[in-house]
PDB file of N, CA and C in Angstrom:
ATOM      1  N   UNK A   1       1.262  -0.960  -0.104  1.00  0.00           N
ATOM      2  CA  UNK A   1       0.236  -0.304   0.215  1.00  0.00           C
ATOM      3  C   UNK A   1       0.754   0.901   0.385  1.00  0.00           C
ATOM      4  N   UNK A   2       0.898   2.151  -1.061  1.00  0.00           N
ATOM      5  CA  UNK A   2       1.707   3.427  -0.984  1.00  0.00           C
ATOM      6  C   UNK A   2       1.283   4.421   0.716  1.00  0.00           C
ATOM      7  N   UNK A   3       2.439   4.868   0.315  1.00  0.00           N
ATOM      8  CA  UNK A   3       2.361   5.632   1.656  1.00  0.00           C
ATOM      9  C   UNK A   3       2.995   7.110   1.069  1.00  0.00           C
ATOM     10  N   UNK A   4       2.318   8.038   2.747  1.00  0.00           N
ATOM     11  CA  UNK A   4       2.079   9.016   1.931  1.00  0.00           C
ATOM     12  C   UNK A   4       2.706  10.508   2.969  1.00  0.00           C
ATOM     13  N   UNK A   5       3.347  11.228   2.592  1.00  0.00           N
ATOM     14  CA  UNK A   5       3.882  12.601   3.345  1.00  0.00           C
ATOM     15  C   UNK A   5       2.813  13.515   3.108  1.00  0.00           C
ATOM     16  N   UNK A   6       2.036  14.354   4.650  1.00  0.00           N
ATOM     17  CA  UNK A   6       1.109  14.909   4.569  1.00  0.00           C
ATOM     18  C   UNK A   6       2.006  16.096   5.679  1.00  0.00           C
ATOM     19  N   UNK A   7       2.563  16.886   4.823  1.00  0.00           N
ATOM     20  CA  UNK A   7       3.014  18.666   5.234  1.00  0.00           C
ATOM     21  C   UNK A   7       2.142  19.235   6.096  1.00  0.00           C
ATOM     22  N   UNK A   8       2.073  19.647   7.284  1.00  0.00           N
ATOM     23  CA  UNK A   8       1.109  20.769   7.583  1.00  0.00           C
ATOM     24  C   UNK A   8       2.040  22.216   7.345  1.00  0.00           C
ATOM     25  N   UNK A   9       1.663  22.987   6.585  1.00  0.00           N
ATOM     26  CA  UNK A   9       2.180  24.063   6.594  1.00  0.00           C
ATOM     27  C   UNK A   9       1.163  25.065   6.871  1.00  0.00           C
ATOM     28  N   UNK A  10       1.943  26.261   7.904  1.00  0.00           N
ATOM     29  CA  UNK A  10       1.141  27.224   8.805  1.00  0.00           C
ATOM     30  C   UNK A  10       2.075  28.443   8.491  1.00  0.00           C
ATOM     31  N   UNK A  11       1.177  29.396   8.509  1.00  0.00           N
ATOM     32  CA  UNK A  11       2.201  30.964   8.161  1.00  0.00           C
ATOM     33  C   UNK A  11       2.421  31.185  10.060  1.00  0.00           C
ATOM     34  N   UNK A  12       3.516  30.823  10.542  1.00  0.00           N
ATOM     35  CA  UNK A  12       3.877  30.694  11.748  1.00  0.00           C
ATOM     36  C   UNK A  12       3.660  32.578  12.550  1.00  0.00           C
ATOM     37  N   UNK A  13       3.590  33.829  11.731  1.00  0.00           N
ATOM     38  CA  UNK A  13       3.886  34.836  12.138  1.00  0.00           C
ATOM     39  C   UNK A  13       1.765  35.482  12.399  1.00  0.00           C
ATOM     40  N   UNK A  14       1.026  34.401  11.591  1.00  0.00           N
ATOM     41  CA  UNK A  14      -0.384  34.649  11.846  1.00  0.00           C
ATOM     42  C   UNK A  14      -1.027  33.498  12.395  1.00  0.00           C
ATOM     43  N   UNK A  15      -0.454  32.720  13.185  1.00  0.00           N
ATOM     44  CA  UNK A  15      -0.804  31.508  14.387  1.00  0.00           C
ATOM     45  C   UNK A  15      -1.683  31.883  15.313  1.00  0.00           C
ATOM     46  N   UNK A  16      -3.024  31.930  15.820  1.00  0.00           N
ATOM     47  CA  UNK A  16      -4.033  32.383  16.768  1.00  0.00           C
ATOM     48  C   UNK A  16      -2.843  31.971  18.379  1.00  0.00           C
ATOM     49  N   UNK A  17      -2.756  33.476  18.691  1.00  0.00           N
ATOM     50  CA  UNK A  17      -2.028  33.423  19.622  1.00  0.00           C
ATOM     51  C   UNK A  17      -2.679  32.607  20.588  1.00  0.00           C
ATOM     52  N   UNK A  18      -1.715  31.751  21.782  1.00  0.00           N
ATOM     53  CA  UNK A  18      -1.462  31.001  22.035  1.00  0.00           C
ATOM     54  C   UNK A  18      -1.900  29.364  21.693  1.00  0.00           C
ATOM     55  N   UNK A  19      -1.773  29.797  20.807  1.00  0.00           N
ATOM     56  CA  UNK A  19      -1.691  27.941  19.798  1.00  0.00           C
ATOM     57  C   UNK A  19      -3.017  27.492  19.952  1.00  0.00           C
ATOM     58  N   UNK A  20      -3.064  26.105  19.628  1.00  0.00           N
ATOM     59  CA  UNK A  20      -4.268  25.381  19.357  1.00  0.00           C
ATOM     60  C   UNK A  20      -5.353  25.133  20.636  1.00  0.00           C
ATOM     61  N   UNK A  21      -6.822  25.381  20.526  1.00  0.00           N
ATOM     62  CA  UNK A  21      -7.682  25.350  21.365  1.00  0.00           C
ATOM     63  C   UNK A  21      -7.600  23.915  21.860  1.00  0.00           C
ATOM     64  N   UNK A  22      -8.381  24.241  23.593  1.00  0.00           N
ATOM     65  CA  UNK A  22      -8.583  22.317  23.685  1.00  0.00           C
ATOM     66  C   UNK A  22      -9.381  22.092  23.058  1.00  0.00           C
ATOM     67  N   UNK A  23     -10.684  21.894  22.147  1.00  0.00           N
ATOM     68  CA  UNK A  23     -11.701  21.975  21.490  1.00  0.00           C
ATOM     69  C   UNK A  23     -10.719  21.264  20.211  1.00  0.00           C
ATOM     70  N   UNK A  24      -9.521  22.021  19.377  1.00  0.00           N
ATOM     71  CA  UNK A  24      -9.023  21.809  18.275  1.00  0.00           C
ATOM     72  C   UNK A  24      -8.110  20.030  18.610  1.00  0.00           C
ATOM     73  N   UNK A  25      -7.479  20.366  19.906  1.00  0.00           N
ATOM     74  CA  UNK A  25      -6.788  19.245  19.923  1.00  0.00           C
ATOM     75  C   UNK A  25      -7.935  18.174  20.608  1.00  0.00           C
ATOM     76  N   UNK A  26      -8.571  19.054  20.951  1.00  0.00           N
ATOM     77  CA  UNK A  26      -9.698  17.166  21.067  1.00  0.00           C
ATOM     78  C   UNK A  26      -9.981  16.352  19.968  1.00  0.00           C
ATOM     79  N   UNK A  27     -10.416  17.637  18.918  1.00  0.00           N
ATOM     80  CA  UNK A  27     -10.807  17.217  17.709  1.00  0.00           C
ATOM     81  C   UNK A  27      -9.630  16.567  16.710  1.00  0.00           C
ATOM     82  N   UNK A  28      -8.616  16.841  16.979  1.00  0.00           N
ATOM     83  CA  UNK A  28      -7.342  16.169  16.495  1.00  0.00           C
ATOM     84  C   UNK A  28      -7.081  14.583  17.453  1.00  0.00           C
ATOM     85  N   UNK A  29      -7.312  15.100  18.141  1.00  0.00           N
ATOM     86  CA  UNK A  29      -7.303  13.523  19.144  1.00  0.00           C
ATOM     87  C   UNK A  29      -8.099  12.559  18.261  1.00  0.00           C
ATOM     88  N   UNK A  30      -9.221  12.893  18.040  1.00  0.00           N
ATOM     89  CA  UNK A  30     -10.174  11.741  17.831  1.00  0.00           C
ATOM     90  C   UNK A  30      -9.924  11.838  16.583  1.00  0.00           C
ATOM     91  N   UNK A  31      -9.849  12.570  15.253  1.00  0.00           N
ATOM     92  CA  UNK A  31      -9.390  12.011  14.264  1.00  0.00           C
ATOM     93  C   UNK A  31      -7.823  11.012  14.140  1.00  0.00           C
ATOM     94  N   UNK A  32      -6.677  11.680  14.997  1.00  0.00           N
ATOM     95  CA  UNK A  32      -5.902  10.785  15.384  1.00  0.00           C
ATOM     96  C   UNK A  32      -5.929   9.157  15.152  1.00  0.00           C
ATOM     97  N   UNK A  33      -7.168   9.249  17.064  1.00  0.00           N
ATOM     98  CA  UNK A  33      -7.554   7.892  17.278  1.00  0.00           C
ATOM     99  C   UNK A  33      -8.439   7.088  16.191  1.00  0.00           C
ATOM    100  N   UNK A  34      -9.495   7.907  14.867  1.00  0.00           N
ATOM    101  CA  UNK A  34      -9.815   7.174  14.147  1.00  0.00           C
ATOM    102  C   UNK A  34      -8.807   6.570  13.044  1.00  0.00           C
ATOM    103  N   UNK A  35      -7.427   7.586  12.499  1.00  0.00           N
ATOM    104  CA  UNK A  35      -6.744   7.024  11.501  1.00  0.00           C
ATOM    105  C   UNK A  35      -6.094   5.301  11.953  1.00  0.00           C
ATOM    106  N   UNK A  36      -5.554   5.780  13.340  1.00  0.00           N
ATOM    107  CA  UNK A  36      -4.724   4.565  14.054  1.00  0.00           C
ATOM    108  C   UNK A  36      -5.563   3.197  13.905  1.00  0.00           C
ATOM    109  N   UNK A  37      -6.936   3.546  14.261  1.00  0.00           N
ATOM    110  CA  UNK A  37      -7.761   2.193  14.337  1.00  0.00           C
ATOM    111  C   UNK A  37      -8.291   2.017  12.750  1.00  0.00           C
ATOM    112  N   UNK A  38      -8.094   2.537  11.702  1.00  0.00           N
ATOM    113  CA  UNK A  38      -7.880   2.487  10.390  1.00  0.00           C
ATOM    114  C   UNK A  38      -6.624   1.926  10.011  1.00  0.00           C
ATOM    115  N   UNK A  39      -5.724   1.636  10.918  1.00  0.00           N
ATOM    116  CA  UNK A  39      -4.320   1.088   9.945  1.00  0.00           C
ATOM    117  C   UNK A  39      -4.525   1.906   8.712  1.00  0.00           C
ATOM    118  N   UNK A  40      -3.927   3.547   8.603  1.00  0.00           N
ATOM    119  CA  UNK A  40      -4.019   4.229   8.119  1.00  0.00           C
ATOM    120  C   UNK A  40      -2.540   5.060   8.631  1.00  0.00           C
ATOM    121  N   UNK A  41      -2.487   5.132   9.954  1.00  0.00           N
ATOM    122  CA  UNK A  41      -1.435   6.062  10.023  1.00  0.00           C
ATOM    123  C   UNK A  41      -0.525   5.610  10.557  1.00  0.00           C
ATOM    124  N   UNK A  42       1.026   6.092  10.309  1.00  0.00           N
ATOM    125  CA  UNK A  42       1.972   5.426  10.366  1.00  0.00           C
ATOM    126  C   UNK A  42       3.043   6.364  11.757  1.00  0.00           C
ATOM    127  N   UNK A  43       2.885   7.533  11.614  1.00  0.00           N
ATOM    128  CA  UNK A  43       3.186   8.572  12.203  1.00  0.00           C
ATOM    129  C   UNK A  43       2.484   9.597  12.113  1.00  0.00           C
ATOM    130  N   UNK A  44       3.082  11.084  13.305  1.00  0.00           N
ATOM    131  CA  UNK A  44       2.735  11.647  13.417  1.00  0.00           C
ATOM    132  C   UNK A  44       3.180  12.766  14.075  1.00  0.00           C
ATOM    133  N   UNK A  45       3.197  13.907  13.548  1.00  0.00           N
ATOM    134  CA  UNK A  45       4.036  14.645  15.286  1.00  0.00           C
ATOM    135  C   UNK A  45       3.695  16.513  14.680  1.00  0.00           C
ATOM    136  N   UNK A  46       4.214  17.494  16.036  1.00  0.00           N
ATOM    137  CA  UNK A  46       4.190  18.530  15.461  1.00  0.00           C
ATOM    138  C   UNK A  46       5.103  18.870  15.833  1.00  0.00           C
ATOM    139  N   UNK A  47       5.928  20.124  15.393  1.00  0.00           N
ATOM    140  CA  UNK A  47       7.079  20.704  15.397  1.00  0.00           C
ATOM    141  C   UNK A  47       7.547  21.938  15.603  1.00  0.00           C
ATOM    142  N   UNK A  48       8.326  21.969  16.108  1.00  0.00           N
ATOM    143  CA  UNK A  48       8.483  23.142  17.311  1.00  0.00           C
ATOM    144  C   UNK A  48       8.856  24.229  16.366  1.00  0.00           C
ATOM    145  N   UNK A  49       8.376  26.220  16.884  1.00  0.00           N
ATOM    146  CA  UNK A  49       8.702  26.902  15.884  1.00  0.00           C
ATOM    147  C   UNK A  49      10.037  27.151  14.909  1.00  0.00           C
ATOM    148  N   UNK A  50       9.904  27.954  14.021  1.00  0.00           N
ATOM    149  CA  UNK A  50      11.377  28.101  13.638  1.00  0.00           C
ATOM    150  C   UNK A  50      12.559  28.613  14.072  1.00  0.00           C
ATOM    151  N   UNK A  51      12.003  28.978  15.158  1.00  0.00           N
ATOM    152  CA  UNK A  51      13.107  30.107  15.764  1.00  0.00           C
ATOM    153  C   UNK A  51      14.349  29.003  16.740  1.00  0.00           C
ATOM    154  N   UNK A  52      13.747  27.933  16.800  1.00  0.00           N
ATOM    155  CA  UNK A  52      14.133  26.627  18.094  1.00  0.00           C
ATOM    156  C   UNK A  52      14.954  25.590  16.718  1.00  0.00           C
ATOM    157  N   UNK A  53      15.027  25.842  14.993  1.00  0.00           N
ATOM    158  CA  UNK A  53      15.113  25.304  13.886  1.00  0.00           C
ATOM    159  C   UNK A  53      16.820  25.509  13.575  1.00  0.00           C
ATOM    160  N   UNK A  54      17.327  24.169  13.075  1.00  0.00           N
ATOM    161  CA  UNK A  54      18.616  25.215  12.014  1.00  0.00           C
ATOM    162  C   UNK A  54      18.574  24.919  10.754  1.00  0.00           C
ATOM    163  N   UNK A  55      18.686  25.362  10.271  1.00  0.00           N
ATOM    164  CA  UNK A  55      18.811  25.190   8.485  1.00  0.00           C
ATOM    165  C   UNK A  55      20.264  25.145   7.797  1.00  0.00           C
ATOM    166  N   UNK A  56      20.584  23.926   7.283  1.00  0.00           N
ATOM    167  CA  UNK A  56      22.047  23.518   6.718  1.00  0.00           C
ATOM    168  C   UNK A  56      21.386  23.480   5.221  1.00  0.00           C
ATOM    169  N   UNK A  57      22.452  24.217   4.089  1.00  0.00           N
ATOM    170  CA  UNK A  57      22.169  24.837   2.895  1.00  0.00           C
ATOM    171  C   UNK A  57      23.585  24.375   2.587  1.00  0.00           C
ATOM    172  N   UNK A  58      23.711  24.017   1.241  1.00  0.00           N
ATOM    173  CA  UNK A  58      24.858  23.755   0.671  1.00  0.00           C
ATOM    174  C   UNK A  58      24.507  24.828  -0.674  1.00  0.00           C
ATOM    175  N   UNK A  59      25.488  25.089  -1.171  1.00  0.00           N
ATOM    176  CA  UNK A  59      25.344  26.608  -2.769  1.00  0.00           C
ATOM    177  C   UNK A  59      27.058  26.305  -3.248  1.00  0.00           C
ATOM    178  N   UNK A  60      26.987  26.154  -4.178  1.00  0.00           N
ATOM    179  CA  UNK A  60      28.416  26.521  -4.643  1.00  0.00           C
ATOM    180  C   UNK A  60      29.653  25.583  -3.769  1.00  0.00           C
ATOM    181  N   UNK A  61      28.886  24.282  -3.473  1.00  0.00           N
ATOM    182  CA  UNK A  61      30.245  23.427  -3.274  1.00  0.00           C
ATOM    183  C   UNK A  61      30.386  24.225  -1.189  1.00  0.00           C
ATOM    184  N   UNK A  62      30.013  25.275  -0.980  1.00  0.00           N
ATOM    185  CA  UNK A  62      29.489  25.294   0.605  1.00  0.00           C
ATOM    186  C   UNK A  62      28.796  24.982   1.014  1.00  0.00           C
ATOM    187  N   UNK A  63      29.172  24.704   2.290  1.00  0.00           N
ATOM    188  CA  UNK A  63      28.114  24.350   3.761  1.00  0.00           C
ATOM    189  C   UNK A  63      27.638  25.404   4.290  1.00  0.00           C
ATOM    190  N   UNK A  64      26.529  26.066   4.438  1.00  0.00           N
ATOM    191  CA  UNK A  64      26.366  27.184   5.992  1.00  0.00           C
ATOM    192  C   UNK A  64      25.080  26.189   6.779  1.00  0.00           C
ATOM    193  N   UNK A  65      25.065  26.830   7.381  1.00  0.00           N
ATOM    194  CA  UNK A  65      24.313  26.623   8.783  1.00  0.00           C
ATOM    195  C   UNK A  65      23.600  28.131   9.814  1.00  0.00           C
ATOM    196  N   UNK A  66      22.845  27.927   9.268  1.00  0.00           N
ATOM    197  CA  UNK A  66      22.047  29.359  10.145  1.00  0.00           C
ATOM    198  C   UNK A  66      21.065  28.694  11.259  1.00  0.00           C
ATOM    199  N   UNK A  67      21.047  29.407  12.211  1.00  0.00           N
ATOM    200  CA  UNK A  67      19.924  29.432  13.566  1.00  0.00           C
ATOM    201  C   UNK A  67      18.955  29.539  12.770  1.00  0.00           C
ATOM    202  N   UNK A  68      17.841  29.183  13.555  1.00  0.00           N
ATOM    203  CA  UNK A  68      16.810  29.740  12.900  1.00  0.00           C
ATOM    204  C   UNK A  68      15.942  31.060  13.597  1.00  0.00           C
ATOM    205  N   UNK A  69      15.203  31.893  13.968  1.00  0.00           N
ATOM    206  CA  UNK A  69      13.769  31.804  12.873  1.00  0.00           C
ATOM    207  C   UNK A  69      14.487  32.083  11.268  1.00  0.00           C
ATOM    208  N   UNK A  70      13.849  31.937  10.820  1.00  0.00           N
ATOM    209  CA  UNK A  70      14.262  32.572   9.077  1.00  0.00           C
ATOM    210  C   UNK A  70      13.200  32.914   8.375  1.00  0.00           C
ATOM    211  N   UNK A  71      13.415  34.578   8.929  1.00  0.00           N
ATOM    212  CA  UNK A  71      12.695  35.515   8.484  1.00  0.00           C
ATOM    213  C   UNK A  71      12.138  35.009   6.699  1.00  0.00           C
ATOM    214  N   UNK A  72      12.481  34.979   5.695  1.00  0.00           N
ATOM    215  CA  UNK A  72      12.736  34.851   4.601  1.00  0.00           C
ATOM    216  C   UNK A  72      11.170  33.772   4.249  1.00  0.00           C
ATOM    217  N   UNK A  73      11.141  32.789   5.366  1.00  0.00           N
ATOM    218  CA  UNK A  73      10.344  31.560   5.182  1.00  0.00           C
ATOM    219  C   UNK A  73       9.036  32.357   5.720  1.00  0.00           C
ATOM    220  N   UNK A  74       7.742  32.768   5.122  1.00  0.00           N
ATOM    221  CA  UNK A  74       6.193  32.935   5.527  1.00  0.00           C
ATOM    222  C   UNK A  74       5.889  31.617   5.519  1.00  0.00           C
ATOM    223  N   UNK A  75       5.844  30.757   4.891  1.00  0.00           N
ATOM    224  CA  UNK A  75       4.467  29.809   5.316  1.00  0.00           C
ATOM    225  C   UNK A  75       6.130  28.303   5.166  1.00  0.00           C
ATOM    226  N   UNK A  76       5.678  27.687   6.376  1.00  0.00           N
ATOM    227  CA  UNK A  76       6.770  26.469   7.085  1.00  0.00           C
ATOM    228  C   UNK A  76       5.955  25.566   7.833  1.00  0.00           C
ATOM    229  N   UNK A  77       6.596  24.852   7.693  1.00  0.00           N
ATOM    230  CA  UNK A  77       5.493  23.100   7.984  1.00  0.00           C
ATOM    231  C   UNK A  77       5.989  22.572   9.002  1.00  0.00           C
ATOM    232  N   UNK A  78       4.685  22.826   9.973  1.00  0.00           N
ATOM    233  CA  UNK A  78       4.157  23.386  11.386  1.00  0.00           C
ATOM    234  C   UNK A  78       3.856  21.717  12.004  1.00  0.00           C
ATOM    235  N   UNK A  79       3.973  20.396  10.923  1.00  0.00           N
ATOM    236  CA  UNK A  79       3.584  19.498  11.866  1.00  0.00           C
ATOM    237  C   UNK A  79       3.717  18.382  10.007  1.00  0.00           C
ATOM    238  N   UNK A  80       3.486  17.169  10.582  1.00  0.00           N
ATOM    239  CA  UNK A  80       3.622  16.171   9.607  1.00  0.00           C
ATOM    240  C   UNK A  80       2.698  15.120  10.113  1.00  0.00           C
ATOM    241  N   UNK A  81       2.198  14.292   8.847  1.00  0.00           N
ATOM    242  CA  UNK A  81       2.202  12.792   9.304  1.00  0.00           C
ATOM    243  C   UNK A  81       2.390  11.673   8.070  1.00  0.00           C
ATOM    244  N   UNK A  82       2.360  10.744   8.741  1.00  0.00           N
ATOM    245  CA  UNK A  82       3.024   9.949   7.049  1.00  0.00           C
ATOM    246  C   UNK A  82       1.736   8.702   7.544  1.00  0.00           C
ATOM    247  N   UNK A  83       1.375   8.417   6.121  1.00  0.00           N
ATOM    248  CA  UNK A  83      -0.003   7.731   6.310  1.00  0.00           C
ATOM    249  C   UNK A  83       0.410   6.734   5.110  1.00  0.00           C
ATOM    250  N   UNK A  84      -0.593   5.859   4.893  1.00  0.00           N
ATOM    251  CA  UNK A  84      -0.832   4.616   4.188  1.00  0.00           C
ATOM    252  C   UNK A  84      -2.163   4.688   3.711  1.00  0.00           C
ATOM    253  N   UNK A  85      -2.064   4.677   2.644  1.00  0.00           N
ATOM    254  CA  UNK A  85      -3.127   4.636   1.857  1.00  0.00           C
ATOM    255  C   UNK A  85      -3.553   3.861   0.451  1.00  0.00           C
ATOM    256  N   UNK A  86      -4.620   3.565   0.166  1.00  0.00           N
ATOM    257  CA  UNK A  86      -4.944   2.900  -1.009  1.00  0.00           C
ATOM    258  C   UNK A  86      -4.483   3.885  -2.167  1.00  0.00           C
ATOM    259  N   UNK A  87      -4.799   4.772  -2.771  1.00  0.00           N
ATOM    260  CA  UNK A  87      -4.728   5.696  -3.564  1.00  0.00           C
ATOM    261  C   UNK A  87      -4.351   7.143  -3.214  1.00  0.00           C
ATOM    262  N   UNK A  88      -3.937   8.102  -4.021  1.00  0.00           N
ATOM    263  CA  UNK A  88      -3.899   9.648  -3.532  1.00  0.00           C
ATOM    264  C   UNK A  88      -4.714   9.898  -3.427  1.00  0.00           C
ATOM    265  N   UNK A  89      -6.086   9.733  -4.084  1.00  0.00           N
ATOM    266  CA  UNK A  89      -7.259  10.337  -3.848  1.00  0.00           C
ATOM    267  C   UNK A  89      -8.260   9.823  -2.228  1.00  0.00           C
ATOM    268  N   UNK A  90      -7.623   8.998  -1.694  1.00  0.00           N
ATOM    269  CA  UNK A  90      -7.817   9.040  -0.035  1.00  0.00           C
ATOM    270  C   UNK A  90      -7.130   9.142   0.444  1.00  0.00           C
ATOM    271  N   UNK A  91      -5.642   9.760   0.419  1.00  0.00           N
ATOM    272  CA  UNK A  91      -4.581  10.695   1.060  1.00  0.00           C
ATOM    273  C   UNK A  91      -5.085  11.797   0.885  1.00  0.00           C
ATOM    274  N   UNK A  92      -5.765  12.300   0.183  1.00  0.00           N
ATOM    275  CA  UNK A  92      -6.103  13.583   0.005  1.00  0.00           C
ATOM    276  C   UNK A  92      -7.206  13.914   0.986  1.00  0.00           C
ATOM    277  N   UNK A  93      -8.386  12.334   0.689  1.00  0.00           N
ATOM    278  CA  UNK A  93      -8.928  13.031   1.906  1.00  0.00           C
ATOM    279  C   UNK A  93      -8.726  13.079   3.363  1.00  0.00           C
ATOM    280  N   UNK A  94      -8.157  12.028   3.640  1.00  0.00           N
ATOM    281  CA  UNK A  94      -7.592  12.290   4.938  1.00  0.00           C
ATOM    282  C   UNK A  94      -6.914  13.691   5.269  1.00  0.00           C
ATOM    283  N   UNK A  95      -6.356  14.378   4.179  1.00  0.00           N
ATOM    284  CA  UNK A  95      -5.493  15.437   4.617  1.00  0.00           C
ATOM    285  C   UNK A  95      -6.423  16.573   4.822  1.00  0.00           C
ATOM    286  N   UNK A  96      -7.835  16.673   3.566  1.00  0.00           N
ATOM    287  CA  UNK A  96      -8.989  17.334   4.230  1.00  0.00           C
ATOM    288  C   UNK A  96      -9.761  17.301   5.302  1.00  0.00           C
ATOM    289  N   UNK A  97      -9.938  15.839   5.591  1.00  0.00           N
ATOM    290  CA  UNK A  97     -10.235  15.935   7.109  1.00  0.00           C
ATOM    291  C   UNK A  97      -8.902  16.453   7.965  1.00  0.00           C
ATOM    292  N   UNK A  98      -8.221  16.549   8.033  1.00  0.00           N
ATOM    293  CA  UNK A  98      -7.005  17.311   9.140  1.00  0.00           C
ATOM    294  C   UNK A  98      -6.984  18.448   8.970  1.00  0.00           C
ATOM    295  N   UNK A  99      -7.091  18.863   7.816  1.00  0.00           N
ATOM    296  CA  UNK A  99      -7.409  20.617   7.620  1.00  0.00           C
ATOM    297  C   UNK A  99      -8.874  20.908   8.411  1.00  0.00           C
ATOM    298  N   UNK A 100      -9.628  20.040   8.206  1.00  0.00           N
ATOM    299  CA  UNK A 100     -11.101  20.740   8.295  1.00  0.00           C
ATOM    300  C   UNK A 100     -11.012  20.939   9.929  1.00  0.00           C
ATOM    301  N   UNK A 101     -10.642  20.434  10.852  1.00  0.00           N
ATOM    302  CA  UNK A 101     -10.849  20.173  12.237  1.00  0.00           C
ATOM    303  C   UNK A 101     -10.527  21.632  12.769  1.00  0.00           C
ATOM    304  N   UNK A 102      -9.622  22.394  11.804  1.00  0.00           N
ATOM    305  CA  UNK A 102      -8.988  23.317  12.853  1.00  0.00           C
ATOM    306  C   UNK A 102      -9.929  24.151  12.383  1.00  0.00           C
ATOM    307  N   UNK A 103     -10.446  25.551  13.231  1.00  0.00           N
ATOM    308  CA  UNK A 103     -11.008  26.891  13.571  1.00  0.00           C
ATOM    309  C   UNK A 103     -10.850  27.389  12.198  1.00  0.00           C
ATOM    310  N   UNK A 104     -11.368  28.220  11.822  1.00  0.00           N
ATOM    311  CA  UNK A 104     -11.305  29.561  10.633  1.00  0.00           C
ATOM    312  C   UNK A 104     -10.268  30.098  11.244  1.00  0.00           C
ATOM    313  N   UNK A 105      -9.569  30.520  12.165  1.00  0.00           N
ATOM    314  CA  UNK A 105      -8.702  31.215  12.324  1.00  0.00           C
ATOM    315  C   UNK A 105      -7.460  30.817  12.206  1.00  0.00           C
ATOM    316  N   UNK A 106      -7.163  29.758  11.965  1.00  0.00           N
ATOM    317  CA  UNK A 106      -6.317  29.279  10.964  1.00  0.00           C
ATOM    318  C   UNK A 106      -5.714  29.203   9.697  1.00  0.00           C
ATOM    319  N   UNK A 107      -4.596  29.320   9.199  1.00  0.00           N
ATOM    320  CA  UNK A 107      -4.315  29.170   8.077  1.00  0.00           C
ATOM    321  C   UNK A 107      -3.710  28.692   7.964  1.00  0.00           C
ATOM    322  N   UNK A 108      -4.173  27.493   7.013  1.00  0.00           N
ATOM    323  CA  UNK A 108      -3.363  25.905   7.259  1.00  0.00           C
ATOM    324  C   UNK A 108      -3.465  25.433   5.617  1.00  0.00           C
ATOM    325  N   UNK A 109      -2.245  24.668   5.823  1.00  0.00           N
ATOM    326  CA  UNK A 109      -2.663  23.693   4.123  1.00  0.00           C
ATOM    327  C   UNK A 109      -1.577  22.500   4.645  1.00  0.00           C
ATOM    328  N   UNK A 110      -2.409  21.630   3.454  1.00  0.00           N
ATOM    329  CA  UNK A 110      -1.643  20.472   4.239  1.00  0.00           C
ATOM    330  C   UNK A 110      -1.220  20.105   2.352  1.00  0.00           C
ATOM    331  N   UNK A 111      -0.024  19.713   1.732  1.00  0.00           N
ATOM    332  CA  UNK A 111       0.742  19.076   1.196  1.00  0.00           C
ATOM    333  C   UNK A 111       0.681  17.862   1.018  1.00  0.00           C
ATOM    334  N   UNK A 112       0.200  16.704   0.109  1.00  0.00           N
ATOM    335  CA  UNK A 112       0.413  15.543   0.016  1.00  0.00           C
ATOM    336  C   UNK A 112       1.131  14.910  -0.820  1.00  0.00           C
ATOM    337  N   UNK A 113       2.190  14.000  -0.112  1.00  0.00           N
ATOM    338  CA  UNK A 113       3.028  13.564  -1.382  1.00  0.00           C
ATOM    339  C   UNK A 113       3.487  12.263  -0.794  1.00  0.00           C
ATOM    340  N   UNK A 114       3.421  11.715  -2.352  1.00  0.00           N
ATOM    341  CA  UNK A 114       3.601  10.011  -2.109  1.00  0.00           C
ATOM    342  C   UNK A 114       5.212   9.587  -2.154  1.00  0.00           C
ATOM    343  N   UNK A 115       5.429   9.080  -0.669  1.00  0.00           N
ATOM    344  CA  UNK A 115       6.709   8.294  -0.793  1.00  0.00           C
ATOM    345  C   UNK A 115       7.588   7.606  -1.353  1.00  0.00           C
ATOM    346  N   UNK A 116       8.471   8.003  -2.338  1.00  0.00           N
ATOM    347  CA  UNK A 116       9.103   6.340  -3.474  1.00  0.00           C
ATOM    348  C   UNK A 116       9.413   5.701  -2.530  1.00  0.00           C
ATOM    349  N   UNK A 117       9.197   4.073  -3.138  1.00  0.00           N
ATOM    350  CA  UNK A 117       8.854   3.220  -2.272  1.00  0.00           C
ATOM    351  C   UNK A 117      10.379   2.363  -2.907  1.00  0.00           C
ATOM    352  N   UNK A 118      11.049   2.183  -2.145  1.00  0.00           N
ATOM    353  CA  UNK A 118      12.460   1.426  -2.452  1.00  0.00           C
ATOM    354  C   UNK A 118      12.894   0.435  -1.509  1.00  0.00           C
TER     355      UNK A 118
END
């Protein structure tokens, strides 16, 4: 069964103050439990803010290491899920449900990409 990476993209500068509400966390927990019972969910987690991240980049054969925050990044990966689904349509349906549990004040997107099997 194909595996997919769902990258959750947010704008850190416009995220609701105080982070996720208790109601959002409850709905998220219910969805994660449903995905686990359906044997869809492989792994999921939120990520710390970019201020606590490090970027390692190569350009022209030179490697640089930069501590966050990354000011040029408006939209960042705020979390991820790895799922196994029958096909792309099913993976997109799960991503849609994930986005839908968020309140209207969240600017959120989920990018779904199939993982290369190897």
